[in-house]
Protein backbone atom coordinates (compact mmCIF):
# COMPACT_ATOMS: atom_id res chain seq x y z
CA MET A 1 8.46 -20.87 -259.82
CA LYS A 2 9.04 -23.79 -257.65
CA ILE A 3 5.93 -24.76 -255.35
CA ILE A 4 5.52 -26.49 -252.53
CA TYR A 5 2.25 -27.94 -250.77
CA VAL A 6 2.83 -29.69 -247.51
CA GLU A 7 0.05 -31.95 -246.18
CA ALA A 8 0.68 -33.03 -242.39
CA ASN A 9 -2.07 -35.32 -241.90
CA PRO A 10 -2.78 -36.71 -245.25
CA GLY A 11 -6.33 -38.43 -245.85
CA ASN A 12 -7.42 -39.11 -249.61
CA GLY A 13 -10.60 -35.81 -248.79
CA GLY A 14 -11.48 -32.39 -250.70
CA ALA A 15 -8.57 -30.78 -249.30
CA GLU A 16 -6.38 -33.26 -250.93
CA GLU A 17 -7.90 -33.52 -253.98
CA TYR A 18 -7.85 -29.54 -254.24
CA ALA A 19 -3.68 -29.82 -254.11
CA ILE A 20 -3.61 -32.54 -256.61
CA ASN A 21 -5.32 -30.55 -259.03
CA LEU A 22 -3.37 -27.56 -258.36
CA ALA A 23 0.00 -29.33 -258.67
CA ASN A 24 -1.07 -30.86 -262.16
CA GLN A 25 -2.22 -27.49 -263.38
CA ALA A 26 1.13 -26.02 -261.97
CA VAL A 27 3.40 -28.72 -264.16
CA ARG A 28 1.40 -28.50 -267.43
CA ALA A 29 2.35 -25.02 -266.82
CA GLY A 30 5.85 -25.48 -266.52
CA HIS A 31 6.35 -25.13 -263.04
CA GLU A 32 8.19 -27.00 -260.52
CA VAL A 33 5.61 -28.94 -257.66
CA LEU A 34 7.17 -30.77 -254.57
CA PHE A 35 5.15 -32.16 -251.41
CA VAL A 36 5.91 -32.20 -248.32
CA LEU A 37 3.57 -35.05 -246.24
CA GLY A 38 3.59 -35.87 -242.80
CA LEU A 39 2.74 -39.20 -243.33
CA GLU A 40 4.93 -42.22 -245.08
CA LYS A 41 1.96 -44.55 -246.20
CA GLY A 42 -1.98 -43.79 -247.35
CA GLN A 43 -3.75 -42.86 -250.34
CA MET A 44 -2.55 -39.22 -250.82
CA VAL A 45 0.86 -40.82 -250.37
CA GLU A 46 0.00 -43.16 -253.57
CA ARG A 47 -1.87 -40.57 -255.49
CA VAL A 48 1.33 -38.18 -255.31
CA ARG A 49 3.84 -40.74 -256.49
CA ASP A 50 1.37 -41.82 -259.01
CA ASN A 51 1.50 -38.64 -260.76
CA HIS A 52 5.08 -38.29 -260.50
CA PHE A 53 5.49 -35.70 -257.97
CA ASP A 54 8.66 -35.22 -256.20
CA MET A 55 7.81 -35.73 -252.01
CA MET A 56 9.66 -35.39 -248.62
CA ILE A 57 8.15 -36.76 -245.76
CA ILE A 58 8.14 -35.02 -242.33
CA PRO A 59 6.65 -36.60 -239.44
CA MET A 60 3.88 -33.83 -238.65
CA GLN A 61 1.00 -35.42 -236.28
CA SER A 62 2.08 -34.80 -232.91
CA SER A 63 0.46 -31.90 -231.73
CA PHE A 64 0.90 -32.66 -227.87
CA ASN A 65 4.63 -33.42 -228.04
CA PRO A 66 6.82 -30.51 -228.29
CA LEU A 67 10.06 -31.91 -229.05
CA ALA A 68 7.68 -34.09 -231.95
CA VAL A 69 6.76 -30.74 -232.89
CA PHE A 70 9.96 -28.40 -233.11
CA SER A 71 11.81 -31.77 -235.05
CA SER A 72 9.38 -31.02 -237.02
CA ILE A 73 9.52 -27.54 -237.72
CA LEU A 74 13.20 -27.94 -237.77
CA LYS A 75 12.73 -30.22 -240.89
CA LEU A 76 10.50 -27.92 -243.04
CA ARG A 77 13.23 -24.86 -241.84
CA LYS A 78 15.90 -26.98 -243.73
CA PHE A 79 14.13 -28.54 -246.40
CA ILE A 80 12.00 -24.90 -247.16
CA ASN A 81 15.88 -23.28 -247.34
CA GLU A 82 17.55 -26.17 -249.23
CA GLN A 83 14.90 -26.19 -252.00
CA LYS A 84 14.04 -22.22 -252.31
CA PRO A 85 10.50 -22.37 -253.05
CA ASP A 86 9.03 -19.68 -254.07
CA ILE A 87 5.28 -20.34 -252.63
CA VAL A 88 4.53 -22.71 -249.95
CA HIS A 89 0.82 -23.77 -250.18
CA THR A 90 -0.89 -25.25 -247.18
CA GLN A 91 -4.86 -26.39 -246.53
CA MET A 92 -5.15 -26.74 -242.68
CA LEU A 93 -4.12 -25.26 -239.41
CA ARG A 94 -1.62 -27.81 -238.53
CA GLU A 95 0.77 -27.58 -241.49
CA GLN A 96 -0.11 -23.61 -241.60
CA SER A 97 1.61 -23.39 -237.97
CA LEU A 98 4.33 -25.40 -238.85
CA VAL A 99 5.28 -23.78 -241.68
CA ILE A 100 5.10 -20.58 -239.51
CA GLY A 101 6.99 -22.30 -237.19
CA ALA A 102 9.64 -22.61 -239.65
CA LYS A 103 9.92 -19.23 -240.96
CA LEU A 104 10.02 -17.83 -237.30
CA PHE A 105 13.44 -19.95 -237.24
CA GLY A 106 14.72 -18.64 -240.71
CA ALA A 107 12.84 -20.09 -243.46
CA LYS A 108 12.41 -17.83 -246.48
CA THR A 109 9.69 -18.35 -248.48
CA LYS A 110 5.81 -16.98 -249.69
CA LEU A 111 3.21 -18.93 -247.45
CA ILE A 112 -0.39 -19.48 -248.66
CA ARG A 113 -3.46 -20.83 -246.77
CA THR A 114 -6.37 -22.42 -248.52
CA PHE A 115 -9.58 -22.22 -245.75
CA HIS A 116 -11.60 -25.60 -246.32
CA ARG A 117 -12.88 -25.54 -243.44
CA LEU A 118 -14.67 -22.91 -241.44
CA ASP A 119 -14.51 -24.24 -237.55
CA GLN A 120 -11.28 -23.33 -236.74
CA PHE A 121 -11.14 -20.20 -234.73
CA ASN A 122 -11.96 -21.36 -231.20
CA SER A 123 -10.70 -19.71 -227.75
CA LYS A 124 -7.42 -21.49 -227.85
CA MET A 125 -6.66 -19.85 -231.36
CA LYS A 126 -7.65 -16.00 -230.87
CA PRO A 127 -4.92 -15.37 -229.16
CA LEU A 128 -2.77 -16.45 -232.20
CA LEU A 129 -4.12 -14.67 -234.48
CA PRO A 130 -1.57 -12.02 -234.80
CA ILE A 131 1.05 -14.48 -235.64
CA TYR A 132 -0.72 -15.85 -238.05
CA ARG A 133 -1.56 -12.70 -239.92
CA LYS A 134 1.77 -11.75 -239.94
CA PHE A 135 3.54 -14.90 -240.94
CA THR A 136 0.69 -16.12 -243.44
CA ASP A 137 1.15 -14.00 -246.78
CA ALA A 138 -2.07 -14.71 -248.20
CA PHE A 139 -5.28 -16.27 -247.47
CA ILE A 140 -7.53 -18.13 -249.78
CA ALA A 141 -11.55 -18.24 -249.02
CA PRO A 142 -12.84 -20.36 -251.52
CA SER A 143 -16.24 -18.18 -251.29
CA GLU A 144 -17.41 -14.93 -250.22
CA TYR A 145 -18.88 -16.33 -247.26
CA ALA A 146 -15.50 -18.09 -245.98
CA LYS A 147 -14.02 -14.10 -247.00
CA ASP A 148 -16.54 -12.89 -244.36
CA TYR A 149 -16.22 -15.56 -242.01
CA LEU A 150 -12.26 -14.84 -241.81
CA THR A 151 -13.35 -11.06 -241.93
CA GLU A 152 -15.45 -11.70 -238.57
CA ASN A 153 -12.38 -13.44 -236.90
CA GLY A 154 -9.59 -11.29 -237.47
CA ILE A 155 -8.32 -11.95 -240.50
CA ILE A 156 -9.00 -9.15 -243.35
CA LYS A 157 -6.15 -8.41 -245.16
CA ARG A 158 -4.54 -10.51 -247.73
CA VAL A 159 -7.74 -12.15 -248.22
CA TYR A 160 -8.29 -13.74 -251.84
CA VAL A 161 -11.52 -15.14 -252.95
CA VAL A 162 -11.16 -18.21 -255.32
CA HIS A 163 -13.50 -20.43 -256.07
CA ASN A 164 -12.81 -24.30 -255.86
CA GLY A 165 -12.85 -26.11 -259.29
CA VAL A 166 -12.80 -29.75 -259.91
CA ALA A 167 -11.71 -32.32 -263.05
CA GLU A 168 -15.00 -32.56 -265.29
CA VAL A 169 -16.96 -36.07 -264.25
CA VAL A 170 -18.39 -37.81 -267.36
CA THR A 171 -20.97 -40.47 -266.96
CA GLN A 172 -23.69 -41.73 -269.77
CA ARG A 173 -26.40 -42.99 -267.57
CA LYS A 174 -27.46 -42.34 -264.19
CA ASP A 175 -29.38 -45.08 -261.96
CA LYS A 176 -32.46 -43.45 -259.98
CA ALA A 177 -30.65 -43.60 -256.48
CA LEU A 178 -29.75 -41.43 -254.12
CA GLY A 179 -25.41 -40.96 -252.98
CA PHE A 180 -23.48 -39.53 -250.95
CA LEU A 181 -19.49 -39.00 -250.97
CA GLY A 182 -17.36 -37.98 -248.27
CA ARG A 183 -15.17 -39.00 -245.68
CA LEU A 184 -17.41 -40.72 -242.98
CA SER A 185 -17.12 -38.74 -239.85
CA VAL A 186 -19.04 -37.22 -237.29
CA GLU A 187 -19.43 -33.39 -240.00
CA LYS A 188 -20.49 -35.24 -242.18
CA ARG A 189 -23.56 -36.62 -240.50
CA ILE A 190 -24.19 -39.47 -242.82
CA LYS A 191 -24.64 -41.82 -239.90
CA GLU A 192 -27.35 -39.62 -238.68
CA PHE A 193 -28.85 -39.36 -242.22
CA VAL A 194 -28.57 -43.39 -242.43
CA THR A 195 -30.41 -43.78 -238.65
CA ALA A 196 -33.08 -41.12 -238.97
CA ASN A 197 -34.47 -42.50 -242.85
CA SER A 198 -34.16 -46.60 -242.11
CA SER A 199 -37.86 -47.09 -242.76
CA MET A 200 -37.28 -45.75 -246.36
CA PHE A 201 -34.52 -47.37 -247.86
CA PRO A 202 -36.06 -50.90 -248.61
CA ASN A 203 -37.73 -48.69 -251.05
CA THR A 204 -34.78 -46.27 -252.18
CA LYS A 205 -31.29 -46.97 -253.15
CA LEU A 206 -28.53 -45.43 -251.53
CA ARG A 207 -24.63 -45.84 -252.72
CA ILE A 208 -22.43 -44.23 -250.14
CA GLY A 209 -18.62 -43.61 -251.36
CA GLY A 210 -16.15 -42.64 -248.62
CA ASP A 211 -14.19 -44.24 -245.70
CA GLY A 212 -13.89 -42.99 -241.98
CA PRO A 213 -14.25 -43.52 -238.40
CA GLU A 214 -17.79 -44.04 -238.61
CA LYS A 215 -18.07 -46.83 -241.52
CA ILE A 216 -17.99 -49.66 -239.58
CA ASP A 217 -20.70 -47.91 -237.35
CA ILE A 218 -23.00 -47.68 -240.53
CA GLU A 219 -21.60 -50.97 -242.02
CA SER A 220 -23.46 -52.79 -238.38
CA PHE A 221 -26.72 -50.27 -238.53
CA VAL A 222 -27.16 -51.20 -242.62
CA ASN A 223 -26.20 -55.02 -242.10
CA LYS A 224 -28.39 -55.33 -238.86
CA LYS A 225 -31.49 -53.49 -240.58
CA ASN A 226 -30.95 -55.18 -244.05
CA LEU A 227 -31.18 -51.60 -245.37
CA ASN A 228 -30.64 -51.40 -249.32
CA ILE A 229 -27.85 -49.02 -248.92
CA GLU A 230 -24.46 -50.14 -250.74
CA ILE A 231 -20.90 -48.67 -248.83
CA LEU A 232 -18.27 -48.79 -251.47
CA GLY A 233 -15.73 -47.89 -249.68
CA GLN A 234 -12.87 -45.27 -251.09
CA ILE A 235 -13.51 -44.32 -254.99
CA THR A 236 -10.71 -43.90 -257.52
CA ASP A 237 -13.29 -43.80 -260.75
CA LYS A 238 -15.26 -40.55 -260.34
CA ASN A 239 -17.03 -41.42 -263.96
CA MET A 240 -18.34 -44.77 -262.55
CA PHE A 241 -19.47 -43.46 -259.07
CA PHE A 242 -21.47 -40.56 -260.19
CA SER A 243 -23.61 -43.22 -262.70
CA LEU A 244 -24.90 -44.52 -259.55
CA PHE A 245 -26.84 -42.39 -258.55
CA ASN A 246 -28.93 -39.25 -259.90
CA VAL A 247 -29.10 -37.00 -256.62
CA LEU A 248 -26.40 -36.30 -254.58
CA ILE A 249 -26.96 -35.60 -250.79
CA LEU A 250 -24.75 -34.00 -248.58
CA PRO A 251 -26.03 -33.54 -244.53
CA SER A 252 -22.78 -32.03 -243.82
CA TYR A 253 -22.75 -29.17 -240.73
CA THR A 254 -19.93 -27.39 -241.88
CA GLU A 255 -18.56 -26.61 -245.27
CA ALA A 256 -16.41 -24.26 -247.18
CA LEU A 257 -17.19 -24.90 -250.70
CA PRO A 258 -17.13 -28.83 -250.53
CA LEU A 259 -15.88 -30.09 -253.99
CA VAL A 260 -17.93 -33.21 -254.08
CA VAL A 261 -21.02 -30.76 -255.03
CA LEU A 262 -19.05 -29.22 -257.74
CA GLU A 263 -18.08 -32.56 -258.88
CA ALA A 264 -21.49 -33.76 -259.21
CA PHE A 265 -22.64 -30.40 -260.98
CA SER A 266 -19.88 -30.92 -263.61
CA ALA A 267 -21.59 -34.69 -264.19
CA GLY A 268 -25.47 -33.19 -264.42
CA THR A 269 -26.57 -34.13 -260.82
CA PRO A 270 -28.75 -32.22 -258.76
CA VAL A 271 -27.84 -31.85 -255.20
CA VAL A 272 -29.79 -31.85 -251.80
CA ALA A 273 -28.23 -30.52 -249.04
CA PHE A 274 -28.68 -28.72 -245.62
CA ASP A 275 -29.25 -24.87 -245.69
CA ILE A 276 -25.86 -23.91 -244.45
CA PRO A 277 -24.41 -19.80 -245.47
CA PRO A 278 -21.41 -20.96 -247.51
CA LEU A 279 -24.01 -23.54 -249.70
CA ARG A 280 -26.32 -20.55 -250.36
CA GLY A 281 -26.36 -19.15 -253.69
CA LEU A 282 -24.42 -22.46 -255.23
CA ILE A 283 -27.37 -24.57 -254.69
CA THR A 284 -30.80 -23.51 -255.84
CA GLN A 285 -33.84 -24.50 -256.40
CA GLU A 286 -32.92 -24.80 -260.08
CA ASN A 287 -29.96 -27.36 -259.47
CA GLY A 288 -31.29 -28.59 -256.32
CA ALA A 289 -32.42 -28.06 -252.65
CA LEU A 290 -31.57 -26.27 -249.39
CA VAL A 291 -33.61 -27.50 -246.67
CA LYS A 292 -33.34 -26.77 -243.18
CA ASN A 293 -30.44 -27.90 -241.38
CA GLY A 294 -30.71 -31.13 -239.04
CA ASP A 295 -34.29 -31.79 -240.42
CA PHE A 296 -32.49 -35.79 -241.62
CA LYS A 297 -36.13 -36.79 -243.26
CA GLN A 298 -36.98 -33.71 -245.37
CA LEU A 299 -33.15 -34.05 -246.76
CA ALA A 300 -34.23 -37.90 -247.61
CA LYS A 301 -37.91 -36.47 -248.79
CA VAL A 302 -36.79 -33.88 -251.32
CA ALA A 303 -33.68 -35.70 -252.93
CA THR A 304 -35.97 -38.63 -253.46
CA GLU A 305 -38.38 -36.82 -255.47
CA ILE A 306 -36.02 -34.46 -257.40
CA SER A 307 -34.47 -38.10 -257.99
CA GLU A 308 -37.93 -39.51 -259.34
CA SER A 309 -39.12 -35.97 -261.16
CA LYS A 310 -40.33 -35.92 -264.49
CA VAL A 311 -38.46 -32.37 -264.84
CA TYR A 312 -35.49 -33.94 -263.88
CA LYS A 313 -33.43 -33.06 -266.90
CA LYS A 314 -34.15 -29.65 -266.19
CA PHE A 315 -32.43 -29.89 -262.80
CA SER A 316 -29.32 -32.02 -264.26
CA GLU A 317 -29.03 -29.05 -267.18
CA LYS A 318 -28.71 -26.44 -264.76
CA ALA A 319 -26.33 -28.27 -262.08
CA ARG A 320 -23.86 -28.63 -265.30
CA GLU A 321 -24.49 -24.80 -266.58
CA THR A 322 -23.50 -23.88 -262.65
CA TYR A 323 -20.48 -25.85 -263.15
CA LEU A 324 -19.22 -24.62 -266.16
CA ARG A 325 -19.78 -21.14 -265.42
CA GLY A 326 -16.82 -20.66 -262.56
CA TYR A 327 -15.91 -24.13 -260.72
CA THR A 328 -13.74 -25.65 -263.85
CA ILE A 329 -10.20 -26.78 -262.73
CA GLU A 330 -8.50 -24.30 -265.41
CA LYS A 331 -10.90 -21.41 -264.11
CA MET A 332 -9.60 -22.29 -260.30
CA TRP A 333 -6.07 -22.59 -261.90
CA PHE A 334 -5.94 -19.45 -263.46
CA ASP A 335 -6.68 -17.47 -260.54
CA THR A 336 -4.98 -19.35 -258.26
CA SER A 337 -1.25 -18.71 -260.23
CA ARG A 338 -1.88 -14.84 -260.55
CA LEU A 339 -1.61 -15.14 -256.86
CA TYR A 340 1.26 -17.16 -256.79
CA GLU A 341 2.81 -14.92 -259.39
CA HIS A 342 1.70 -11.38 -257.67
CA LEU A 343 3.23 -13.14 -254.11
CA SER A 344 6.48 -14.14 -255.96
CA ARG A 345 7.19 -10.77 -257.90
CA LYS A 346 6.81 -9.09 -254.35
CA GLY A 347 10.33 -10.89 -253.35
């Protein structure tokens, strides 16, 4: 089987990690893998090269330039028809749209879209849903909540629940500190968390991993207030990073099934997050805590209490059990590969 993964605007977040993990499993299973990337430079390009995947660069960033969009569609069509993949797997709306455009102009393949974000059905998107439903052969929802979200927005058929999975993180020790890993952007709300809790960070340690548009503002605020916060930038060694704290915080307002929570659980690290529907059932009182959405002070308070708790070991053990029960890469690949095979047999 030949599989193409398309990343229109690749960064180094959860969607990119998901694609790399699936691609590695596919190769181990004897399948051929190719990547189509929308940027010539960046960490995703380096990761694709480091993993020795074949790669094609097709610029796909010009949403407001009809000629550029049309050019990208034609290049995708040509590449797909030359390579004749069994499956094209996309992660975000832009690359899904472009592959649909390529199919409208004659590209022959099966298209899958995984929903990593659940905030894309705005008023402009609604009229296009019939086209998306017709030309997308399968929709992957990483949770039952995500499936319900798709149903509510008119995507009912060909929706498959496949839980995300992550590589095991192994740590020999954990510092007593709080940690955050993710894109430093508005929807992750780490800047708001730091600002709201600046008074606690002379006594509590926070280590932040990741990059993004808010990084400079966060660094400036931390330096100005002389806070006990380390901003470590992009993280390449997850084993090392997860040894630097013993509770992960997640102040996001929107998630589907965040990989960083699963990585934390694999390392035996409890997670404290805001109470948003996709996280209910995943984060419990046994492996962490959910607090009122938007209450940054309570998030910090609860996370610190767990970090210093006398029964921390029980939280850690339950977090690890949650990971092993259903969020390994092997389980994700098994479920995804069955979908690949089902679609490819349909011809």
